[in-house]
Protein backbone atom coordinates (compact mmCIF):
# COMPACT_ATOMS: atom_id res chain seq x y z
CA MET A 1 0.00 0.00 0.00
CA ALA A 2 2.92 2.31 0.70
CA GLU A 3 3.98 2.18 -2.96
CA VAL A 4 0.53 3.14 -4.25
CA ALA A 5 0.35 5.97 -1.70
CA LYS A 6 3.35 7.58 -3.41
CA HIS A 7 1.09 8.23 -6.41
CA ILE A 8 -1.57 10.12 -4.43
CA PRO A 9 -1.24 13.54 -2.72
CA GLN A 10 -1.28 13.35 1.08
CA GLY A 11 -4.14 15.85 1.29
CA VAL A 12 -6.28 13.49 -0.80
CA ILE A 13 -5.32 10.44 1.25
CA LYS A 14 -6.43 12.21 4.45
CA ARG A 15 -9.92 12.59 2.99
CA ILE A 16 -10.34 8.89 2.23
CA SER A 17 -11.47 6.08 4.50
CA PHE A 18 -9.86 2.87 3.25
CA LYS A 19 -8.76 -0.58 4.39
CA ASN A 20 -6.72 -1.72 1.43
CA GLU A 21 -4.95 -0.57 -1.72
CA ASN A 22 -7.99 -0.88 -3.99
CA GLU A 23 -10.13 1.25 -1.68
CA LEU A 24 -7.39 3.88 -1.53
CA VAL A 25 -7.14 4.14 -5.33
CA PHE A 26 -10.93 4.15 -5.74
CA GLY A 27 -11.26 6.86 -3.09
CA ALA A 28 -8.64 9.04 -4.78
CA LYS A 29 -10.43 8.73 -8.11
CA LYS A 30 -13.72 9.67 -6.49
CA VAL A 31 -12.23 12.76 -4.80
CA TYR A 32 -10.99 14.13 -8.12
CA MET A 33 -14.07 13.16 -10.12
CA GLU A 34 -16.37 14.84 -7.61
CA HIS A 35 -14.15 17.92 -7.73
CA ILE A 36 -14.44 17.99 -11.52
CA HIS A 37 -18.23 17.69 -11.30
CA ASN A 38 -18.83 20.15 -8.48
CA ASN A 39 -16.05 22.72 -8.64
CA MET A 40 -14.54 23.03 -12.10
CA ARG A 41 -15.88 25.17 -14.91
CA GLY A 42 -17.32 22.84 -17.54
CA GLY A 43 -16.98 19.90 -15.15
CA LYS A 44 -20.55 18.65 -15.44
CA LYS A 45 -20.21 18.57 -19.23
CA PHE A 46 -17.05 16.53 -18.84
CA ILE A 47 -18.78 13.98 -16.65
CA GLU A 48 -21.51 13.67 -19.31
CA TYR A 49 -18.79 13.20 -21.93
CA LEU A 50 -17.20 10.40 -19.88
CA GLU A 51 -20.59 8.76 -19.34
CA GLN A 52 -20.95 8.53 -23.11
CA ILE A 53 -17.45 7.13 -23.59
CA TYR A 54 -17.98 4.42 -20.96
CA GLU A 55 -21.64 3.85 -21.87
CA ILE A 56 -22.93 4.68 -18.41
CA GLU A 57 -26.50 5.79 -17.87
CA PRO A 58 -26.61 9.18 -16.10
CA SER A 59 -27.60 8.71 -12.46
CA GLU A 60 -26.63 9.72 -8.95
CA ASN A 61 -24.13 6.83 -9.03
CA SER A 62 -22.46 7.83 -12.31
CA ILE A 63 -19.25 9.06 -10.70
CA GLU A 64 -18.79 5.83 -8.74
CA GLU A 65 -19.41 3.79 -11.89
CA LEU A 66 -16.85 5.87 -13.77
CA CYS A 67 -14.33 5.37 -10.96
CA GLU A 68 -14.79 1.61 -11.29
CA LYS A 69 -13.93 1.73 -14.99
CA MET A 70 -11.26 4.45 -15.18
CA LYS A 71 -7.62 4.16 -14.18
CA LEU A 72 -6.21 6.68 -11.72
CA ALA A 73 -3.90 8.09 -14.41
CA GLU A 74 -6.92 8.73 -16.64
CA VAL A 75 -8.71 10.61 -13.85
CA TYR A 76 -5.56 12.69 -13.30
CA TYR A 77 -5.48 13.37 -17.04
CA TYR A 78 -8.97 14.86 -17.21
CA PHE A 79 -8.48 16.77 -13.95
CA THR A 80 -5.19 18.37 -14.96
CA TYR A 81 -6.37 18.99 -18.53
CA LEU A 82 -9.39 20.93 -17.24
CA HIS A 83 -7.14 22.84 -14.86
CA THR A 84 -5.57 24.76 -17.76
CA ALA A 85 -8.05 24.17 -20.62
CA THR A 86 -8.84 27.86 -21.18
CA ARG A 87 -5.44 29.33 -20.40
CA SER A 88 -3.02 30.75 -22.98
CA THR A 89 -0.98 28.11 -24.76
CA LEU A 90 2.48 28.38 -26.30
CA ILE A 91 3.19 26.37 -29.44
CA PHE A 92 6.55 24.80 -30.27
CA LYS A 93 7.72 22.86 -33.28
CA PHE A 94 10.39 20.18 -33.31
CA LYS A 95 12.49 18.27 -35.76
CA GLU A 96 11.14 14.86 -36.60
CA PRO A 97 12.17 11.99 -34.29
CA TYR A 98 14.80 9.62 -35.59
CA LEU A 99 13.39 7.66 -38.53
CA PHE A 100 14.62 4.07 -38.55
CA PHE A 101 13.40 3.05 -42.02
CA SER A 102 10.38 2.94 -44.34
CA TRP A 103 8.43 -0.32 -44.40
CA GLY A 104 7.93 -0.32 -48.16
CA ASP A 105 11.66 0.11 -48.80
CA VAL A 106 12.73 -3.08 -46.99
CA PRO A 107 13.91 -5.18 -48.72
CA GLY A 108 15.19 -2.46 -51.02
CA ASN A 109 16.57 1.04 -50.63
CA ASP A 110 16.41 1.03 -46.81
CA ASP A 111 18.18 -2.31 -46.24
CA GLU A 112 21.22 -0.53 -44.80
CA GLN A 113 19.05 1.48 -42.37
CA PHE A 114 17.20 -1.71 -41.35
CA ILE A 115 20.46 -3.54 -40.59
CA GLU A 116 21.75 -0.50 -38.68
CA PHE A 117 18.47 -0.44 -36.75
CA LEU A 118 18.97 -4.06 -35.63
CA THR A 119 22.66 -3.75 -34.80
CA GLU A 120 22.73 -0.37 -33.05
CA GLU A 121 19.34 -0.34 -31.32
CA PHE A 122 19.32 -3.97 -30.17
CA GLY A 123 22.96 -5.07 -30.30
CA LEU A 124 22.39 -7.74 -32.95
CA GLY A 125 25.85 -7.99 -34.47
CA TRP A 126 24.83 -11.05 -36.46
CA ALA A 127 22.37 -8.91 -38.46
CA GLU A 128 25.21 -7.46 -40.58
CA ASN A 129 25.26 -10.74 -42.51
CA ALA A 130 21.53 -11.44 -42.38
CA LYS A 131 19.23 -12.24 -45.27
CA ILE A 132 16.19 -9.95 -45.34
CA LEU A 133 12.81 -11.31 -46.42
CA LYS A 134 9.24 -9.99 -46.55
CA SER A 135 6.03 -12.04 -46.51
CA ASP A 136 3.78 -12.11 -49.57
CA ASP A 137 1.07 -10.14 -47.73
CA ASP A 138 3.61 -7.38 -46.89
CA ARG A 139 2.95 -7.72 -43.13
CA ILE A 140 6.17 -9.38 -41.93
CA ILE A 141 9.83 -8.47 -42.41
CA SER A 142 12.39 -10.98 -41.16
CA ALA A 143 16.16 -11.26 -40.93
CA HIS A 144 17.92 -14.63 -40.43
CA VAL A 145 21.46 -15.90 -39.92
CA ASP A 146 21.90 -19.52 -38.85
CA GLY A 147 19.95 -19.84 -35.58
CA ASP A 148 19.51 -16.10 -35.00
CA SER A 149 16.46 -14.23 -36.23
CA ALA A 150 14.45 -11.02 -35.97
CA GLU A 151 10.85 -10.74 -37.14
CA MET A 152 8.76 -7.58 -37.44
CA THR A 153 4.98 -7.64 -37.87
CA ILE A 154 3.15 -4.47 -38.87
CA ASP A 155 -0.32 -3.40 -37.72
CA GLU A 156 -1.08 -0.32 -39.80
CA LYS A 157 -4.50 0.22 -38.21
CA GLU A 158 -3.04 0.33 -34.69
CA GLY A 159 -0.05 2.35 -35.87
CA LYS A 160 2.59 -0.02 -34.53
CA THR A 161 4.99 -2.81 -35.36
CA THR A 162 6.10 -5.65 -33.09
CA LEU A 163 9.69 -6.86 -33.23
CA LYS A 164 10.37 -10.37 -31.92
CA LEU A 165 13.95 -11.56 -31.48
CA SER A 166 15.14 -15.14 -31.28
CA ASP A 167 16.62 -14.47 -27.82
CA GLY A 168 13.09 -13.90 -26.48
CA ARG A 169 13.00 -10.10 -26.45
CA THR A 170 9.94 -8.28 -27.84
CA TYR A 171 9.59 -4.59 -28.68
CA ASN A 172 6.90 -2.30 -30.05
CA LEU A 173 7.64 0.54 -32.47
CA THR A 174 5.51 3.30 -33.93
CA VAL A 175 4.26 3.43 -37.53
CA ARG A 176 3.31 6.74 -39.11
CA LYS A 177 1.99 7.18 -42.63
CA GLU A 178 3.81 10.11 -44.20
CA ASP A 179 3.85 11.00 -47.90
CA ASP A 180 2.29 7.61 -48.71
CA LYS A 181 5.08 5.80 -46.85
CA LEU A 182 4.83 3.75 -43.66
CA ASN A 183 7.72 5.07 -41.58
CA ILE A 184 9.04 3.28 -38.50
CA TYR A 185 9.98 5.31 -35.41
CA LYS A 186 10.94 4.68 -31.81
CA ASN A 187 7.83 3.93 -29.78
CA SER A 188 7.05 6.35 -26.95
CA ASP A 189 4.96 3.55 -25.39
CA ASP A 190 8.19 1.90 -24.28
CA SER A 191 8.86 4.78 -21.91
CA GLU A 192 8.74 3.89 -18.22
CA LEU A 193 6.82 7.13 -17.70
CA PHE A 194 3.51 5.55 -18.72
CA GLY A 195 1.57 3.82 -15.99
CA ASP A 196 -1.84 3.37 -14.40
CA PHE A 197 -1.20 5.64 -11.41
CA GLY A 198 0.82 8.62 -12.62
CA GLN A 199 4.28 9.24 -11.19
CA PRO A 200 5.27 8.32 -7.58
CA ILE A 201 6.11 11.89 -6.56
CA TRP A 202 3.93 12.37 -3.49
CA SER A 203 6.13 10.75 -0.85
CA GLN A 204 8.07 14.03 -0.69
CA GLU A 205 7.16 17.69 -0.60
CA LEU A 206 6.84 19.46 -3.93
CA GLU A 207 9.76 21.67 -4.90
CA ASP A 208 10.02 25.03 -6.62
CA LYS A 209 10.92 23.37 -9.92
CA PRO A 210 8.79 21.31 -12.32
CA LYS A 211 8.35 17.62 -11.54
CA LEU A 212 6.53 15.20 -13.83
CA TRP A 213 3.21 14.07 -12.34
CA LEU A 214 1.55 12.43 -15.34
CA CYS A 215 2.46 11.01 -18.74
CA TYR A 216 -0.66 9.84 -20.56
CA LYS A 217 -0.99 8.45 -24.08
CA GLU A 218 -4.11 9.96 -25.64
CA ASP A 219 -3.77 8.03 -28.91
CA THR A 220 -1.12 6.83 -31.34
CA ASP A 221 0.11 10.34 -32.16
CA HIS A 222 -0.52 12.35 -28.98
CA VAL A 223 1.03 12.25 -25.51
CA PHE A 224 -0.15 14.48 -22.65
CA LEU A 225 2.20 15.42 -19.80
CA THR A 226 1.60 17.30 -16.56
CA PHE A 227 4.38 18.94 -14.55
CA ILE A 228 3.71 20.30 -11.08
CA PHE A 229 5.63 22.48 -8.63
CA ILE A 230 5.37 24.99 -5.82
CA ALA A 231 4.85 28.44 -7.30
CA LYS A 232 6.06 31.69 -5.81
CA GLU A 233 4.34 33.14 -2.77
CA LYS A 234 1.64 35.71 -3.39
CA LEU A 235 0.84 38.65 -1.15
CA ASP A 236 -2.90 39.26 -0.78
CA PHE A 237 -4.70 42.09 1.00
CA ASP A 238 -7.53 40.94 3.28
CA PRO A 239 -10.18 43.71 3.44
CA ILE A 240 -11.71 42.25 6.63
CA TYR A 241 -8.49 42.17 8.63
CA GLN A 242 -7.11 45.16 6.72
CA ASP A 243 -3.81 43.37 6.50
CA PHE A 244 -1.68 41.43 4.04
CA SER A 245 -1.31 37.66 4.09
CA ARG A 246 0.99 35.34 2.18
CA ARG A 247 -0.16 32.24 0.35
CA THR A 248 1.61 29.72 -1.82
CA GLU A 249 -0.05 28.27 -4.90
CA THR A 250 0.67 25.09 -6.80
CA GLY A 251 1.97 25.68 -10.29
CA ILE A 252 1.22 23.44 -13.25
CA ILE A 253 2.43 23.08 -16.83
CA ASN A 254 0.44 20.87 -19.19
CA CYS A 255 1.96 19.74 -22.48
CA ARG A 256 0.61 17.85 -25.46
CA ILE A 257 3.10 16.38 -27.92
CA HIS A 258 1.68 16.08 -31.44
CA PHE A 259 3.97 13.48 -33.00
CA ASP A 260 1.94 13.54 -36.22
CA ASP A 261 2.48 17.28 -36.70
CA ARG A 262 5.80 17.54 -34.80
CA MET A 263 4.40 20.22 -32.54
CA ILE A 264 4.04 20.71 -28.78
CA GLU A 265 1.37 22.63 -26.89
CA VAL A 266 2.61 24.07 -23.59
CA THR A 267 0.01 25.54 -21.23
CA PRO A 268 1.43 26.98 -18.00
CA LYS A 269 -0.31 28.22 -14.88
CA ASN A 270 1.66 30.11 -12.22
CA ALA A 271 4.84 29.33 -14.17
CA GLY A 272 7.55 31.58 -15.55
CA ASP A 273 9.53 31.23 -18.77
CA ASP A 274 12.37 29.48 -16.93
CA PHE A 275 10.07 26.64 -15.87
CA VAL A 276 8.71 26.31 -19.40
CA GLU A 277 12.29 26.00 -20.66
CA GLU A 278 13.01 23.27 -18.09
CA VAL A 279 9.97 21.32 -19.26
CA ILE A 280 11.02 21.64 -22.91
CA GLU A 281 14.49 20.32 -22.07
CA TYR A 282 12.93 17.38 -20.24
CA ILE A 283 10.76 16.51 -23.25
CA LYS A 284 13.77 16.74 -25.56
CA GLU A 285 15.73 14.23 -23.54
CA GLU A 286 12.95 11.82 -22.59
CA PHE A 287 11.34 11.55 -26.03
CA ASP A 288 14.53 11.76 -28.06
CA ILE A 289 13.46 14.80 -30.09
CA SER A 290 15.56 17.82 -30.92
CA GLN A 291 15.54 21.40 -32.12
CA ILE A 292 12.40 22.44 -30.26
CA THR A 293 11.68 26.07 -31.15
CA PRO A 294 8.76 28.39 -30.33
CA ILE A 295 6.32 29.33 -33.08
CA SER A 296 5.76 33.04 -33.53
CA ILE A 297 2.43 34.62 -34.45
CA ASP A 298 2.63 37.80 -36.50
CA ASP A 299 0.20 40.27 -38.03
CA GLN A 300 -0.07 38.26 -41.25
CA ASN A 301 -0.94 35.08 -39.32
CA ILE A 302 -3.81 36.85 -37.58
CA ARG A 303 -5.01 38.32 -40.89
CA GLU A 304 -5.16 34.80 -42.35
CA PHE A 305 -7.06 33.67 -39.26
CA ASP A 306 -9.39 36.66 -39.68
CA GLN A 307 -10.20 35.59 -43.24
CA ASN A 308 -11.05 32.01 -42.27
CA VAL A 309 -13.10 32.26 -39.08
CA LEU A 310 -16.89 32.25 -39.10
CA GLN A 311 -17.15 35.23 -36.77
CA VAL A 312 -14.80 37.64 -34.97
CA THR A 313 -15.83 38.43 -31.40
CA HIS A 314 -12.82 40.55 -30.40
CA GLU A 315 -9.86 42.20 -32.06
CA LYS A 316 -7.13 44.47 -30.80
CA ARG A 317 -5.10 46.65 -33.18
CA GLU A 318 -2.02 48.77 -32.61
CA GLY A 319 -1.38 52.03 -34.42
CA GLU A 320 1.32 54.67 -34.14
CA ASP A 321 -0.76 56.86 -31.85
CA ALA A 322 -3.19 54.50 -30.15
CA THR A 323 -4.33 50.95 -29.55
CA THR A 324 -7.93 50.15 -30.42
CA ALA A 325 -10.06 47.19 -29.38
CA LEU A 326 -13.45 46.12 -30.71
CA THR A 327 -15.63 43.53 -28.99
CA ARG A 328 -18.96 42.07 -30.05
CA ALA A 329 -19.99 39.44 -27.53
CA ASN A 330 -23.59 38.95 -28.68
CA GLU A 331 -24.37 35.75 -30.56
CA ASP A 332 -24.51 37.32 -34.04
CA GLY A 333 -21.97 40.06 -33.44
CA ASP A 334 -18.91 40.33 -35.68
CA THR A 335 -16.32 43.08 -35.33
CA ARG A 336 -15.60 42.87 -39.05
CA ASN A 337 -19.05 44.37 -39.65
CA ASP A 338 -18.60 47.14 -37.10
CA VAL A 339 -19.00 50.71 -38.40
CA PHE A 340 -15.67 51.63 -36.76
CA HIS A 341 -13.79 48.77 -38.41
CA ILE A 342 -12.84 50.73 -41.51
CA ASN A 343 -10.85 53.15 -39.34
CA ILE A 344 -8.50 50.47 -37.99
CA GLU A 345 -8.01 48.10 -40.92
CA ASP A 346 -4.52 49.44 -41.67
CA ARG A 347 -3.32 48.88 -38.08
CA ASP A 348 -1.41 45.76 -37.04
CA PHE A 349 -3.21 43.06 -35.12
CA LYS A 350 -2.19 42.48 -31.51
CA LYS A 351 -4.81 39.80 -30.91
CA GLU A 352 -8.06 38.41 -32.23
CA HIS A 353 -10.78 36.02 -31.03
CA GLY A 354 -12.57 34.10 -33.76
CA VAL A 355 -15.17 31.36 -34.06
CA LEU A 356 -14.31 28.05 -35.74
CA GLU A 357 -16.54 25.08 -36.42
CA ILE A 358 -15.80 21.86 -34.53
CA ASN A 359 -18.46 19.85 -36.35
CA SER A 360 -21.85 20.45 -37.97
CA THR A 361 -23.44 21.45 -34.66
CA ASP A 362 -20.67 22.80 -32.41
CA ARG A 363 -18.47 25.87 -32.56
CA ALA A 364 -15.88 27.43 -30.27
CA ILE A 365 -13.88 30.63 -29.91
CA ILE A 366 -10.09 30.63 -30.25
CA GLY A 367 -7.88 33.60 -29.42
CA LEU A 368 -4.55 34.44 -31.08
CA THR A 369 -1.96 36.82 -29.62
CA ARG A 370 0.88 38.28 -31.69
CA ASP A 371 4.33 37.64 -30.24
CA GLU A 372 7.68 36.02 -31.01
CA LYS A 373 6.35 33.28 -28.77
CA GLY A 374 2.80 33.39 -30.06
CA LYS A 375 -0.09 32.31 -27.88
CA ILE A 376 -3.38 30.64 -28.64
CA GLN A 377 -6.28 30.34 -26.23
CA PHE A 378 -9.35 28.13 -26.36
CA LYS A 379 -12.08 30.22 -24.75
CA SER A 380 -14.18 27.32 -23.45
CA ASN A 381 -13.54 23.97 -21.74
CA LEU A 382 -13.60 21.71 -24.77
CA VAL A 383 -13.26 17.96 -24.42
CA PRO A 384 -9.78 16.86 -25.59
CA ALA A 385 -11.00 15.42 -28.91
CA ASP A 386 -12.72 18.69 -29.87
CA ARG A 387 -9.69 20.71 -28.88
CA MET A 388 -7.52 18.58 -31.16
CA VAL A 389 -9.93 19.12 -34.06
CA LEU A 390 -9.68 22.89 -33.64
CA PHE A 391 -5.92 22.78 -33.13
CA HIS A 392 -5.48 21.00 -36.46
CA LYS A 393 -7.84 23.43 -38.19
CA LEU A 394 -5.81 26.33 -36.81
CA LYS A 395 -2.57 24.66 -37.89
CA ASN A 396 -3.88 24.37 -41.45
CA ILE A 397 -5.13 27.97 -41.53
CA LEU A 398 -1.78 29.34 -40.35
CA ARG A 399 0.21 26.77 -42.39
CA TRP A 400 2.38 25.76 -39.45
């Protein structure tokens, strides 16, 4: 039980009555799920979303039924995601992870890369003299020398390959379809960071530097990470006591790695640039990716956004003499139709909020802010799948 307790904050454990490990984990899940439902903006909608995913009939027992079906790491994922869902997000791009070889080019042009993959990644010196074969159905690549062998089976639908070695070792690797080729990459699933309970960080006090709490695989191409730390003290004035008091908040940085687009979303709360840089360095090392650089948003980017959104609810422009903002918050309002708009069209955009379509029935507002480290902001608590839809639409509009 002591090991499981390392995955749960002490404050949560104190609120739970339990006799064994299973009751402790269930109690922790219930604490967070009830907090989502009762205390977080958009929380009730999220519970309804989870009820649909797990095919649970809405009732007063829905949360307990969800806790029975969900892993603790999954509960942490939705809780931490909601914690920063509407905050400003930085976008980074990175160079593609190391490509081992292309499935269609073995046997063929990538034979040398395939042999190098076996020898350097798995220490199979015998592979230098191996004969490479592929099955008639194109699903299996094998290499053989005397009694030694390596066999790879591809599952394109699941986006993975399985490598089985004659010494008993088995590995999974990632498949991505790019430019009509099936490319084989290192599999992030092999990381020890993934687990059912999050990271065992709660046996010690949090520090004033980011520590990984959660690493959660959303799907084949997306990994969500949460870093947590003690933020700086804040000085608040209490009007009742007419005095100042100090309080310390918990800081959080949520990240989503888009392996398909080679981009990273970084959404901080109570975190400075130095902590964001630490998190980026951690991701570089742990996921074996390099050259992570921030994406800027300039005036032209926002103009392209302006031309593609269904509606503009807010825009801020900067001129030589003054900064002007227009807001139209009513349902049919659009600043582009405002009578004052003609007077500011030649000014550079500082920011804009525009409406994009998620699907045939749902829409949402996204904000863009001009900067060398540009920021985007989803103005409502979207479920993760809807947020990804809008992120990819935005990526296509801005040609990232």
